[in-house]
Amino acid sequence: MGQEAEIIFEVTQEADGGYVAECLTESIFTQADDWEGLERNVQEAVAAFYFDRPHPKTIRLHFVKDEILKVA
């Protein structure tokens, strides 16, 4: 099995202001109260998931923002 070049997380913001990150290709999920905490938690989660095998070279955080627009 070869080393992945990149792993991608979909990030959403919760109603309370916290962030949730879910990997699109692996079973990795984490959350944090702020963006800096999320970055640390994602790096730790990826390191733990790949502890016994080569890890991806980069991690991409894809922030998804849902907006609800009122129709007049």
Protein backbone atom coordinates (compact mmCIF):
# COMPACT_ATOMS: atom_id res chain seq x y z
CA MET A 1 0.00 0.00 0.00
CA GLY A 2 1.50 3.37 -1.05
CA GLN A 3 1.58 6.61 0.84
CA GLU A 4 -1.29 9.00 0.19
CA ALA A 5 -0.19 12.46 -0.92
CA GLU A 6 -3.12 14.22 0.72
CA ILE A 7 -5.99 13.52 3.06
CA ILE A 8 -9.07 15.77 3.04
CA PHE A 9 -11.37 16.69 5.91
CA GLU A 10 -14.75 18.35 5.53
CA VAL A 11 -15.08 20.97 8.28
CA THR A 12 -18.36 22.46 9.48
CA GLN A 13 -19.08 24.96 12.22
CA GLU A 14 -21.55 24.00 14.90
CA ALA A 15 -24.28 26.31 16.19
CA ASP A 16 -22.28 26.81 19.41
CA GLY A 17 -19.29 28.06 17.41
CA GLY A 18 -17.18 24.90 17.65
CA TYR A 19 -15.84 23.00 14.63
CA VAL A 20 -16.26 19.42 13.47
CA ALA A 21 -13.91 17.73 10.98
CA GLU A 22 -14.66 14.47 9.19
CA CYS A 23 -12.24 12.77 6.82
CA LEU A 24 -13.69 12.03 3.39
CA THR A 25 -11.66 8.85 2.78
CA GLU A 26 -10.92 7.32 6.19
CA SER A 27 -12.82 6.82 9.45
CA ILE A 28 -11.30 9.84 11.17
CA PHE A 29 -13.45 12.36 13.03
CA THR A 30 -12.58 15.11 15.51
CA GLN A 31 -13.85 18.40 16.88
CA ALA A 32 -12.69 21.49 18.77
CA ASP A 33 -13.93 24.76 20.21
CA ASP A 34 -11.76 26.94 17.94
CA TRP A 35 -9.90 26.71 14.62
CA GLU A 36 -6.44 26.38 16.17
CA GLY A 37 -7.65 23.56 18.38
CA LEU A 38 -9.22 21.86 15.39
CA GLU A 39 -5.93 22.01 13.46
CA ARG A 40 -4.11 20.37 16.40
CA ASN A 41 -6.83 17.74 16.88
CA VAL A 42 -6.88 16.85 13.18
CA GLN A 43 -3.08 16.40 13.16
CA GLU A 44 -3.24 14.23 16.28
CA ALA A 45 -6.12 12.16 14.90
CA VAL A 46 -4.30 11.56 11.61
CA ALA A 47 -1.08 10.61 13.44
CA ALA A 48 -3.01 8.16 15.61
CA PHE A 49 -4.88 6.64 12.65
CA TYR A 50 -1.66 6.11 10.67
CA PHE A 51 0.52 5.22 13.68
CA ASP A 52 1.76 1.95 12.16
CA ARG A 53 1.94 2.92 8.48
CA PRO A 54 3.03 5.80 6.26
CA HIS A 55 0.93 8.91 6.77
CA PRO A 56 -0.24 11.43 4.14
CA LYS A 57 2.14 14.23 3.22
CA THR A 58 -0.52 16.93 3.59
CA ILE A 59 -3.87 17.44 5.30
CA ARG A 60 -6.50 19.63 3.65
CA LEU A 61 -9.27 21.21 5.73
CA HIS A 62 -12.22 21.99 3.45
CA PHE A 63 -14.51 24.40 5.32
CA VAL A 64 -18.17 24.03 4.34
CA LYS A 65 -20.53 26.84 5.27
CA ASP A 66 -24.28 26.40 5.08
CA GLU A 67 -26.25 29.60 4.69
CA ILE A 68 -30.00 29.80 4.74
CA LEU A 69 -31.42 32.61 2.66
CA LYS A 70 -34.93 33.82 3.19
CA VAL A 71 -37.00 34.11 0.05
CA ALA A 72 -39.12 37.25 -0.04
